[in-house]
Each structure stands twice: as structure tokens, then as C-alpha cells.
Amino acid sequence: MARSAVQEQGRIVKVHVKKDDLVEVIRGDDAGKRGKVLQVLRKEGRVIVEGVNIQKRHTRPTRTNPQGGVVEKPGPIDSSKVMLVCPSCDKPTRYIRKRSPDGELTRVCRRCGKMID
């Protein structure tokens, strides 16, 4: 398995989405699908999105899983292949970071200008 340049350098990548954000996939086989970010893998620069990049694993029966069979779970995709979806205008967008009056940084939609979180 080839390692990415990020892994070889051993640095943590700043990812533009957070856990529980709604994102849309913009490239690849799952382009156009939307889902919630389940996990952010900062060391690899990847995210796990609900319902995207589904991987199948064949498991044999065990005590914890007496049925066995095929288990499907979402796999990681590169964070550059997803865009944040604005909750107010419901479109994929980039965001601007602005400081609120109380001094806290917030994410603001570039399209509609409303706060994302």
C-alpha cells in the first residue's frame, strides 16, 4: 500500500471540516452524495462520511457475532474531496472565519453570509 506524502512527513494536516458537519462529496465514485462527518483523521488528512465509500468485510461467525456474514461500513476519503454544506442555503460552500463580538471565531458561509456554527 502506497503511503501519502503527508504520512511520510509525519505531520498533522489541518482539515476544513469538523465531526458532525454535513458535507457533500465533490469528486470520485460517490460524487454528489451528502452525509454527516463521523470521524476526522487528521494525521492522514482524511474523513469518514456516513453512507460514502462503503466497504464490505466478510466476517466468520464468532461468539459476539454468531450470524457472521458481510458487514458494511464507511471507509475514509480524502478531505479535499468534500465540501461543507451550509445549513441555511443548503448548498456546498467554502467558508470565511470571522470573529464574533464576544471574540470567538465562527465560520460564515460565503454564499449567504450566515453563520454556520
C-alpha atoms as a PDB file:
ATOM      1  CA  MET A   1       0.000   0.000   0.000  1.00  0.00           C
ATOM      2  CA  ALA A   2       1.457   3.362  -1.009  1.00  0.00           C
ATOM      3  CA  ARG A   3       1.813   5.953   1.715  1.00  0.00           C
ATOM      4  CA  SER A   4       0.843   9.529   1.084  1.00  0.00           C
ATOM      5  CA  ALA A   5       3.348  12.364   1.318  1.00  0.00           C
ATOM      6  CA  VAL A   6       1.585  13.570   4.454  1.00  0.00           C
ATOM      7  CA  GLN A   7       2.120  10.253   6.261  1.00  0.00           C
ATOM      8  CA  GLU A   8       5.798  10.070   5.350  1.00  0.00           C
ATOM      9  CA  GLN A   9       6.474  13.542   6.692  1.00  0.00           C
ATOM     10  CA  GLY A  10       4.615  12.696   9.914  1.00  0.00           C
ATOM     11  CA  ARG A  11       2.756  15.982  10.234  1.00  0.00           C
ATOM     12  CA  ILE A  12      -0.850  16.661  11.121  1.00  0.00           C
ATOM     13  CA  VAL A  13      -2.971  18.222   8.372  1.00  0.00           C
ATOM     14  CA  LYS A  14      -5.471  20.964   9.116  1.00  0.00           C
ATOM     15  CA  VAL A  15      -8.822  19.662   7.892  1.00  0.00           C
ATOM     16  CA  HIS A  16     -11.533  22.184   6.938  1.00  0.00           C
ATOM     17  CA  VAL A  17     -14.471  20.166   8.316  1.00  0.00           C
ATOM     18  CA  LYS A  18     -15.371  19.025  11.816  1.00  0.00           C
ATOM     19  CA  LYS A  19     -17.140  15.996  13.217  1.00  0.00           C
ATOM     20  CA  ASP A  20     -20.959  16.151  12.767  1.00  0.00           C
ATOM     21  CA  ASP A  21     -20.714  18.632   9.835  1.00  0.00           C
ATOM     22  CA  LEU A  22     -22.927  17.967   6.810  1.00  0.00           C
ATOM     23  CA  VAL A  23     -20.716  17.603   3.729  1.00  0.00           C
ATOM     24  CA  GLU A  24     -21.135  16.831   0.037  1.00  0.00           C
ATOM     25  CA  VAL A  25     -18.674  14.698  -1.935  1.00  0.00           C
ATOM     26  CA  ILE A  26     -17.420  16.612  -4.983  1.00  0.00           C
ATOM     27  CA  ARG A  27     -15.146  14.034  -6.680  1.00  0.00           C
ATOM     28  CA  GLY A  28     -14.960  10.280  -7.197  1.00  0.00           C
ATOM     29  CA  ASP A  29     -17.475   7.449  -7.399  1.00  0.00           C
ATOM     30  CA  ASP A  30     -19.666   8.941  -4.656  1.00  0.00           C
ATOM     31  CA  ALA A  31     -19.766  12.468  -6.125  1.00  0.00           C
ATOM     32  CA  GLY A  32     -22.991  14.275  -5.242  1.00  0.00           C
ATOM     33  CA  LYS A  33     -23.727  12.229  -2.120  1.00  0.00           C
ATOM     34  CA  ARG A  34     -24.265  14.018   1.179  1.00  0.00           C
ATOM     35  CA  GLY A  35     -23.600  12.754   4.656  1.00  0.00           C
ATOM     36  CA  LYS A  36     -22.535  13.601   8.165  1.00  0.00           C
ATOM     37  CA  VAL A  37     -18.840  13.503   9.104  1.00  0.00           C
ATOM     38  CA  LEU A  38     -18.430  10.607  11.535  1.00  0.00           C
ATOM     39  CA  GLN A  39     -14.698  10.948  12.149  1.00  0.00           C
ATOM     40  CA  VAL A  40     -11.791  13.197  11.126  1.00  0.00           C
ATOM     41  CA  LEU A  41      -8.402  11.501  10.660  1.00  0.00           C
ATOM     42  CA  ARG A  42      -6.059  14.482  10.924  1.00  0.00           C
ATOM     43  CA  LYS A  43      -2.820  12.518  10.608  1.00  0.00           C
ATOM     44  CA  GLU A  44      -3.849  11.219   7.198  1.00  0.00           C
ATOM     45  CA  GLY A  45      -5.901  14.248   6.086  1.00  0.00           C
ATOM     46  CA  ARG A  46      -8.967  12.068   5.570  1.00  0.00           C
ATOM     47  CA  VAL A  47     -12.562  11.982   6.814  1.00  0.00           C
ATOM     48  CA  ILE A  48     -15.131   9.236   7.301  1.00  0.00           C
ATOM     49  CA  VAL A  49     -18.543  10.281   5.973  1.00  0.00           C
ATOM     50  CA  GLU A  50     -21.793   8.471   6.688  1.00  0.00           C
ATOM     51  CA  GLY A  51     -23.004   6.472   3.653  1.00  0.00           C
ATOM     52  CA  VAL A  52     -19.958   7.256   1.475  1.00  0.00           C
ATOM     53  CA  ASN A  53     -17.179   4.878   0.320  1.00  0.00           C
ATOM     54  CA  ILE A  54     -18.933   1.816   1.735  1.00  0.00           C
ATOM     55  CA  GLN A  55     -16.533  -1.092   2.268  1.00  0.00           C
ATOM     56  CA  LYS A  56     -17.635  -4.691   2.729  1.00  0.00           C
ATOM     57  CA  ARG A  57     -15.904  -7.053   5.121  1.00  0.00           C
ATOM     58  CA  HIS A  58     -16.721 -10.762   5.219  1.00  0.00           C
ATOM     59  CA  THR A  59     -16.704 -11.994   8.806  1.00  0.00           C
ATOM     60  CA  ARG A  60     -16.889 -15.509  10.115  1.00  0.00           C
ATOM     61  CA  PRO A  61     -19.241 -16.405  12.971  1.00  0.00           C
ATOM     62  CA  THR A  62     -17.875 -15.672  16.445  1.00  0.00           C
ATOM     63  CA  ARG A  63     -19.326 -15.580  19.935  1.00  0.00           C
ATOM     64  CA  THR A  64     -20.007 -11.863  19.690  1.00  0.00           C
ATOM     65  CA  ASN A  65     -21.394 -12.179  16.135  1.00  0.00           C
ATOM     66  CA  PRO A  66     -22.868 -15.710  15.830  1.00  0.00           C
ATOM     67  CA  GLN A  67     -24.515 -14.922  12.479  1.00  0.00           C
ATOM     68  CA  GLY A  68     -21.335 -13.878  10.641  1.00  0.00           C
ATOM     69  CA  GLY A  69     -21.795 -12.631   7.080  1.00  0.00           C
ATOM     70  CA  VAL A  70     -20.964  -9.416   5.264  1.00  0.00           C
ATOM     71  CA  VAL A  71     -20.522  -6.243   7.335  1.00  0.00           C
ATOM     72  CA  GLU A  72     -20.686  -2.888   5.538  1.00  0.00           C
ATOM     73  CA  LYS A  73     -19.048   0.220   6.963  1.00  0.00           C
ATOM     74  CA  PRO A  74     -17.959   3.593   5.569  1.00  0.00           C
ATOM     75  CA  GLY A  75     -14.287   3.988   4.706  1.00  0.00           C
ATOM     76  CA  PRO A  76     -12.144   7.141   4.785  1.00  0.00           C
ATOM     77  CA  ILE A  77     -11.907   9.551   1.854  1.00  0.00           C
ATOM     78  CA  ASP A  78      -9.552  12.475   1.327  1.00  0.00           C
ATOM     79  CA  SER A  79     -10.743  15.698   2.940  1.00  0.00           C
ATOM     80  CA  SER A  80     -10.108  17.643  -0.271  1.00  0.00           C
ATOM     81  CA  LYS A  81     -12.914  15.675  -1.936  1.00  0.00           C
ATOM     82  CA  VAL A  82     -15.651  17.011   0.375  1.00  0.00           C
ATOM     83  CA  MET A  83     -17.239  20.441   0.778  1.00  0.00           C
ATOM     84  CA  LEU A  84     -19.127  21.791   3.745  1.00  0.00           C
ATOM     85  CA  VAL A  85     -22.889  22.253   3.178  1.00  0.00           C
ATOM     86  CA  CYS A  86     -24.334  25.490   4.575  1.00  0.00           C
ATOM     87  CA  PRO A  87     -27.378  24.737   6.774  1.00  0.00           C
ATOM     88  CA  SER A  88     -29.223  27.923   5.750  1.00  0.00           C
ATOM     89  CA  CYS A  89     -28.774  27.982   1.939  1.00  0.00           C
ATOM     90  CA  ASP A  90     -28.373  24.153   1.656  1.00  0.00           C
ATOM     91  CA  LYS A  91     -25.534  24.382  -0.902  1.00  0.00           C
ATOM     92  CA  PRO A  92     -21.907  23.238  -0.746  1.00  0.00           C
ATOM     93  CA  THR A  93     -19.744  26.222   0.092  1.00  0.00           C
ATOM     94  CA  ARG A  94     -16.425  27.422   1.336  1.00  0.00           C
ATOM     95  CA  TYR A  95     -16.486  29.428   4.495  1.00  0.00           C
ATOM     96  CA  ILE A  96     -14.891  32.529   5.978  1.00  0.00           C
ATOM     97  CA  ARG A  97     -13.718  32.683   9.561  1.00  0.00           C
ATOM     98  CA  LYS A  98     -14.941  35.834  11.286  1.00  0.00           C
ATOM     99  CA  ARG A  99     -14.592  36.975  14.844  1.00  0.00           C
ATOM    100  CA  SER A 100     -17.898  37.440  16.666  1.00  0.00           C
ATOM    101  CA  PRO A 101     -18.494  40.384  19.034  1.00  0.00           C
ATOM    102  CA  ASP A 102     -17.544  38.251  22.041  1.00  0.00           C
ATOM    103  CA  GLY A 103     -14.146  37.488  20.417  1.00  0.00           C
ATOM    104  CA  GLU A 104     -14.845  33.911  19.317  1.00  0.00           C
ATOM    105  CA  LEU A 105     -14.013  32.703  15.789  1.00  0.00           C
ATOM    106  CA  THR A 106     -17.039  31.459  13.849  1.00  0.00           C
ATOM    107  CA  ARG A 107     -17.489  30.012  10.381  1.00  0.00           C
ATOM    108  CA  VAL A 108     -19.572  32.111   7.978  1.00  0.00           C
ATOM    109  CA  CYS A 109     -20.981  30.966   4.618  1.00  0.00           C
ATOM    110  CA  ARG A 110     -19.509  32.752   1.585  1.00  0.00           C
ATOM    111  CA  ARG A 111     -22.764  32.424  -0.395  1.00  0.00           C
ATOM    112  CA  CYS A 112     -25.396  33.702   2.038  1.00  0.00           C
ATOM    113  CA  GLY A 113     -23.282  35.328   4.766  1.00  0.00           C
ATOM    114  CA  LYS A 114     -24.960  33.472   7.649  1.00  0.00           C
ATOM    115  CA  MET A 115     -23.139  31.735  10.492  1.00  0.00           C
ATOM    116  CA  ILE A 116     -22.562  28.001  10.114  1.00  0.00           C
ATOM    117  CA  ASP A 117     -21.869  27.240  13.771  1.00  0.00           C
END
